[in-house]
Amino acid sequence: MTKGELVAVVSNCDCVCNLSKRSIEDIIDGTLKAMEKDIKKSKRFAYPRLGTFIGVHSN
């Protein structure tokens, strides 16, 4: 799924209360940046029913 597809799916949910696609995109970006920051800090991020993400360095 691309970012654009994710924004389209979320924009069609009843729970977004008429938010613009731009606002939804900003929320998704902010969420992913917060996850990235936490993974860098604590080396992992866990979210129930979504999974656990672990930071890995690649060369």
PDB file of N, CA and C in Angstrom:
ATOM      1  N   MET A   1       0.852  -1.170   0.000  1.00  0.00           N
ATOM      2  CA  MET A   1       0.000   0.000   0.000  1.00  0.00           C
ATOM      3  C   MET A   1       0.901   1.237   0.000  1.00  0.00           C
ATOM      4  N   THR A   2       0.596   2.166  -0.870  1.00  0.00           N
ATOM      5  CA  THR A   2       1.354   3.412  -0.907  1.00  0.00           C
ATOM      6  C   THR A   2       0.781   4.401   0.104  1.00  0.00           C
ATOM      7  N   LYS A   3       1.532   5.460   0.344  1.00  0.00           N
ATOM      8  CA  LYS A   3       1.061   6.498   1.269  1.00  0.00           C
ATOM      9  C   LYS A   3      -0.249   7.115   0.756  1.00  0.00           C
ATOM     10  N   GLY A   4      -0.329   7.352  -0.535  1.00  0.00           N
ATOM     11  CA  GLY A   4      -1.546   7.908  -1.127  1.00  0.00           C
ATOM     12  C   GLY A   4      -2.746   6.998  -0.955  1.00  0.00           C
ATOM     13  N   GLU A   5      -2.512   5.703  -1.108  1.00  0.00           N
ATOM     14  CA  GLU A   5      -3.590   4.730  -0.908  1.00  0.00           C
ATOM     15  C   GLU A   5      -4.038   4.709   0.548  1.00  0.00           C
ATOM     16  N   LEU A   6      -3.083   4.796   1.469  1.00  0.00           N
ATOM     17  CA  LEU A   6      -3.413   4.828   2.893  1.00  0.00           C
ATOM     18  C   LEU A   6      -4.251   6.064   3.221  1.00  0.00           C
ATOM     19  N   VAL A   7      -3.858   7.208   2.705  1.00  0.00           N
ATOM     20  CA  VAL A   7      -4.613   8.444   2.931  1.00  0.00           C
ATOM     21  C   VAL A   7      -6.031   8.302   2.383  1.00  0.00           C
ATOM     22  N   ALA A   8      -6.180   7.710   1.214  1.00  0.00           N
ATOM     23  CA  ALA A   8      -7.511   7.521   0.613  1.00  0.00           C
ATOM     24  C   ALA A   8      -8.376   6.602   1.466  1.00  0.00           C
ATOM     25  N   VAL A   9      -7.788   5.518   1.976  1.00  0.00           N
ATOM     26  CA  VAL A   9      -8.547   4.579   2.814  1.00  0.00           C
ATOM     27  C   VAL A   9      -8.997   5.269   4.095  1.00  0.00           C
ATOM     28  N   VAL A  10      -8.081   5.980   4.750  1.00  0.00           N
ATOM     29  CA  VAL A  10      -8.412   6.660   6.002  1.00  0.00           C
ATOM     30  C   VAL A  10      -9.451   7.747   5.762  1.00  0.00           C
ATOM     31  N   SER A  11      -9.358   8.456   4.638  1.00  0.00           N
ATOM     32  CA  SER A  11     -10.311   9.533   4.368  1.00  0.00           C
ATOM     33  C   SER A  11     -11.728   9.015   4.160  1.00  0.00           C
ATOM     34  N   ASN A  12     -11.857   7.726   3.816  1.00  0.00           N
ATOM     35  CA  ASN A  12     -13.185   7.134   3.630  1.00  0.00           C
ATOM     36  C   ASN A  12     -13.760   6.527   4.904  1.00  0.00           C
ATOM     37  N   CYS A  13     -12.998   6.549   6.001  1.00  0.00           N
ATOM     38  CA  CYS A  13     -13.485   6.028   7.281  1.00  0.00           C
ATOM     39  C   CYS A  13     -14.436   7.029   7.927  1.00  0.00           C
ATOM     40  N   ASP A  14     -15.408   6.520   8.650  1.00  0.00           N
ATOM     41  CA  ASP A  14     -16.372   7.380   9.350  1.00  0.00           C
ATOM     42  C   ASP A  14     -15.733   8.145  10.503  1.00  0.00           C
ATOM     43  N   CYS A  15     -14.587   7.697  10.968  1.00  0.00           N
ATOM     44  CA  CYS A  15     -13.983   8.263  12.167  1.00  0.00           C
ATOM     45  C   CYS A  15     -13.159   9.523  11.929  1.00  0.00           C
ATOM     46  N   VAL A  16     -13.029  10.000  10.701  1.00  0.00           N
ATOM     47  CA  VAL A  16     -12.152  11.146  10.441  1.00  0.00           C
ATOM     48  C   VAL A  16     -12.870  12.485  10.477  1.00  0.00           C
ATOM     49  N   CYS A  17     -14.167  12.506  10.625  1.00  0.00           N
ATOM     50  CA  CYS A  17     -14.944  13.734  10.831  1.00  0.00           C
ATOM     51  C   CYS A  17     -14.657  14.814   9.786  1.00  0.00           C
ATOM     52  N   ASN A  18     -14.714  14.463   8.530  1.00  0.00           N
ATOM     53  CA  ASN A  18     -14.558  15.420   7.427  1.00  0.00           C
ATOM     54  C   ASN A  18     -13.208  16.114   7.391  1.00  0.00           C
ATOM     55  N   LEU A  19     -12.168  15.467   7.821  1.00  0.00           N
ATOM     56  CA  LEU A  19     -10.831  16.030   7.705  1.00  0.00           C
ATOM     57  C   LEU A  19     -10.405  16.022   6.241  1.00  0.00           C
ATOM     58  N   SER A  20      -9.623  17.003   5.852  1.00  0.00           N
ATOM     59  CA  SER A  20      -9.119  17.038   4.482  1.00  0.00           C
ATOM     60  C   SER A  20      -8.057  15.954   4.310  1.00  0.00           C
ATOM     61  N   LYS A  21      -7.830  15.566   3.055  1.00  0.00           N
ATOM     62  CA  LYS A  21      -6.794  14.571   2.792  1.00  0.00           C
ATOM     63  C   LYS A  21      -5.433  15.103   3.220  1.00  0.00           C
ATOM     64  N   ARG A  22      -5.219  16.394   3.093  1.00  0.00           N
ATOM     65  CA  ARG A  22      -3.958  17.003   3.525  1.00  0.00           C
ATOM     66  C   ARG A  22      -3.772  16.858   5.039  1.00  0.00           C
ATOM     67  N   SER A  23      -4.848  17.074   5.804  1.00  0.00           N
ATOM     68  CA  SER A  23      -4.780  16.918   7.261  1.00  0.00           C
ATOM     69  C   SER A  23      -4.503  15.471   7.639  1.00  0.00           C
ATOM     70  N   ILE A  24      -5.141  14.555   6.947  1.00  0.00           N
ATOM     71  CA  ILE A  24      -4.925  13.134   7.210  1.00  0.00           C
ATOM     72  C   ILE A  24      -3.481  12.761   6.904  1.00  0.00           C
ATOM     73  N   GLU A  25      -2.951  13.277   5.792  1.00  0.00           N
ATOM     74  CA  GLU A  25      -1.560  13.017   5.425  1.00  0.00           C
ATOM     75  C   GLU A  25      -0.607  13.561   6.488  1.00  0.00           C
ATOM     76  N   ASP A  26      -0.897  14.755   7.010  1.00  0.00           N
ATOM     77  CA  ASP A  26      -0.066  15.343   8.067  1.00  0.00           C
ATOM     78  C   ASP A  26      -0.099  14.496   9.339  1.00  0.00           C
ATOM     79  N   ILE A  27      -1.261  13.962   9.678  1.00  0.00           N
ATOM     80  CA  ILE A  27      -1.396  13.116  10.863  1.00  0.00           C
ATOM     81  C   ILE A  27      -0.601  11.826  10.683  1.00  0.00           C
ATOM     82  N   ILE A  28      -0.703  11.215   9.504  1.00  0.00           N
ATOM     83  CA  ILE A  28       0.041   9.988   9.224  1.00  0.00           C
ATOM     84  C   ILE A  28       1.539  10.263   9.286  1.00  0.00           C
ATOM     85  N   ASP A  29       1.983  11.371   8.663  1.00  0.00           N
ATOM     86  CA  ASP A  29       3.411  11.728   8.698  1.00  0.00           C
ATOM     87  C   ASP A  29       3.893  11.931  10.129  1.00  0.00           C
ATOM     88  N   GLY A  30       3.112  12.632  10.929  1.00  0.00           N
ATOM     89  CA  GLY A  30       3.479  12.874  12.318  1.00  0.00           C
ATOM     90  C   GLY A  30       3.556  11.595  13.123  1.00  0.00           C
ATOM     91  N   THR A  31       2.627  10.708  12.881  1.00  0.00           N
ATOM     92  CA  THR A  31       2.616   9.418  13.576  1.00  0.00           C
ATOM     93  C   THR A  31       3.856   8.606  13.234  1.00  0.00           C
ATOM     94  N   LEU A  32       4.176   8.533  11.949  1.00  0.00           N
ATOM     95  CA  LEU A  32       5.342   7.760  11.529  1.00  0.00           C
ATOM     96  C   LEU A  32       6.645   8.379  12.026  1.00  0.00           C
ATOM     97  N   LYS A  33       6.723   9.703  12.058  1.00  0.00           N
ATOM     98  CA  LYS A  33       7.917  10.361  12.580  1.00  0.00           C
ATOM     99  C   LYS A  33       8.081  10.089  14.078  1.00  0.00           C
ATOM    100  N   ALA A  34       6.968  10.079  14.811  1.00  0.00           N
ATOM    101  CA  ALA A  34       7.023   9.780  16.245  1.00  0.00           C
ATOM    102  C   ALA A  34       7.475   8.335  16.467  1.00  0.00           C
ATOM    103  N   MET A  35       6.976   7.409  15.641  1.00  0.00           N
ATOM    104  CA  MET A  35       7.402   6.021  15.738  1.00  0.00           C
ATOM    105  C   MET A  35       8.895   5.894  15.447  1.00  0.00           C
ATOM    106  N   GLU A  36       9.348   6.570  14.393  1.00  0.00           N
ATOM    107  CA  GLU A  36      10.758   6.525  14.026  1.00  0.00           C
ATOM    108  C   GLU A  36      11.640   7.051  15.151  1.00  0.00           C
ATOM    109  N   LYS A  37      11.234   8.154  15.760  1.00  0.00           N
ATOM    110  CA  LYS A  37      11.987   8.745  16.856  1.00  0.00           C
ATOM    111  C   LYS A  37      12.075   7.774  18.038  1.00  0.00           C
ATOM    112  N   ASP A  38      10.966   7.130  18.360  1.00  0.00           N
ATOM    113  CA  ASP A  38      10.951   6.190  19.480  1.00  0.00           C
ATOM    114  C   ASP A  38      11.799   4.965  19.181  1.00  0.00           C
ATOM    115  N   ILE A  39      11.763   4.488  17.936  1.00  0.00           N
ATOM    116  CA  ILE A  39      12.578   3.328  17.572  1.00  0.00           C
ATOM    117  C   ILE A  39      14.054   3.670  17.704  1.00  0.00           C
ATOM    118  N   LYS A  40      14.441   4.870  17.269  1.00  0.00           N
ATOM    119  CA  LYS A  40      15.837   5.281  17.394  1.00  0.00           C
ATOM    120  C   LYS A  40      16.247   5.398  18.861  1.00  0.00           C
ATOM    121  N   LYS A  41      15.338   5.880  19.706  1.00  0.00           N
ATOM    122  CA  LYS A  41      15.644   6.091  21.125  1.00  0.00           C
ATOM    123  C   LYS A  41      15.673   4.777  21.902  1.00  0.00           C
ATOM    124  N   SER A  42      14.610   3.997  21.782  1.00  0.00           N
ATOM    125  CA  SER A  42      14.499   2.800  22.622  1.00  0.00           C
ATOM    126  C   SER A  42      14.743   1.496  21.860  1.00  0.00           C
ATOM    127  N   LYS A  43      15.061   1.612  20.582  1.00  0.00           N
ATOM    128  CA  LYS A  43      15.372   0.462  19.713  1.00  0.00           C
ATOM    129  C   LYS A  43      14.169  -0.404  19.358  1.00  0.00           C
ATOM    130  N   ARG A  44      12.970  -0.009  19.820  1.00  0.00           N
ATOM    131  CA  ARG A  44      11.772  -0.775  19.431  1.00  0.00           C
ATOM    132  C   ARG A  44      10.522   0.071  19.654  1.00  0.00           C
ATOM    133  N   PHE A  45       9.487  -0.298  18.932  1.00  0.00           N
ATOM    134  CA  PHE A  45       8.188   0.350  19.081  1.00  0.00           C
ATOM    135  C   PHE A  45       7.137  -0.739  18.951  1.00  0.00           C
ATOM    136  N   ALA A  46       6.245  -0.813  19.921  1.00  0.00           N
ATOM    137  CA  ALA A  46       5.201  -1.843  19.901  1.00  0.00           C
ATOM    138  C   ALA A  46       3.827  -1.183  19.918  1.00  0.00           C
ATOM    139  N   TYR A  47       2.925  -1.716  19.092  1.00  0.00           N
ATOM    140  CA  TYR A  47       1.550  -1.226  19.047  1.00  0.00           C
ATOM    141  C   TYR A  47       0.646  -2.452  18.964  1.00  0.00           C
ATOM    142  N   PRO A  48      -0.264  -2.600  19.926  1.00  0.00           N
ATOM    143  CA  PRO A  48      -1.129  -3.778  19.945  1.00  0.00           C
ATOM    144  C   PRO A  48      -1.887  -3.947  18.621  1.00  0.00           C
ATOM    145  N   ARG A  49      -1.971  -5.157  18.169  1.00  0.00           N
ATOM    146  CA  ARG A  49      -2.667  -5.573  16.951  1.00  0.00           C
ATOM    147  C   ARG A  49      -2.003  -5.070  15.674  1.00  0.00           C
ATOM    148  N   LEU A  50      -0.907  -4.335  15.792  1.00  0.00           N
ATOM    149  CA  LEU A  50      -0.160  -3.899  14.607  1.00  0.00           C
ATOM    150  C   LEU A  50       1.181  -4.606  14.556  1.00  0.00           C
ATOM    151  N   GLY A  51       1.872  -4.644  15.675  1.00  0.00           N
ATOM    152  CA  GLY A  51       3.144  -5.343  15.708  1.00  0.00           C
ATOM    153  C   GLY A  51       4.203  -4.602  16.490  1.00  0.00           C
ATOM    154  N   THR A  52       5.393  -5.188  16.499  1.00  0.00           N
ATOM    155  CA  THR A  52       6.551  -4.595  17.148  1.00  0.00           C
ATOM    156  C   THR A  52       7.577  -4.290  16.071  1.00  0.00           C
ATOM    157  N   PHE A  53       8.079  -3.079  16.100  1.00  0.00           N
ATOM    158  CA  PHE A  53       9.067  -2.640  15.131  1.00  0.00           C
ATOM    159  C   PHE A  53      10.393  -2.485  15.856  1.00  0.00           C
ATOM    160  N   ILE A  54      11.447  -3.044  15.276  1.00  0.00           N
ATOM    161  CA  ILE A  54      12.765  -3.011  15.890  1.00  0.00           C
ATOM    162  C   ILE A  54      13.723  -2.318  14.927  1.00  0.00           C
ATOM    163  N   GLY A  55      14.500  -1.396  15.479  1.00  0.00           N
ATOM    164  CA  GLY A  55      15.468  -0.673  14.668  1.00  0.00           C
ATOM    165  C   GLY A  55      16.604  -1.588  14.221  1.00  0.00           C
ATOM    166  N   VAL A  56      16.918  -1.549  12.935  1.00  0.00           N
ATOM    167  CA  VAL A  56      17.989  -2.353  12.373  1.00  0.00           C
ATOM    168  C   VAL A  56      18.837  -1.448  11.493  1.00  0.00           C
ATOM    169  N   HIS A  57      20.134  -1.531  11.652  1.00  0.00           N
ATOM    170  CA  HIS A  57      21.052  -0.771  10.813  1.00  0.00           C
ATOM    171  C   HIS A  57      21.420  -1.628   9.597  1.00  0.00           C
ATOM    172  N   SER A  58      21.372  -1.026   8.420  1.00  0.00           N
ATOM    173  CA  SER A  58      21.792  -1.737   7.228  1.00  0.00           C
ATOM    174  C   SER A  58      22.937  -0.986   6.570  1.00  0.00           C
ATOM    175  N   ASN A  59      23.791  -1.719   5.925  1.00  0.00           N
ATOM    176  CA  ASN A  59      24.949  -1.109   5.248  1.00  0.00           C
ATOM    177  C   ASN A  59      24.787  -1.197   3.763  1.00  0.00           C
TER     178      ASN A  59
END
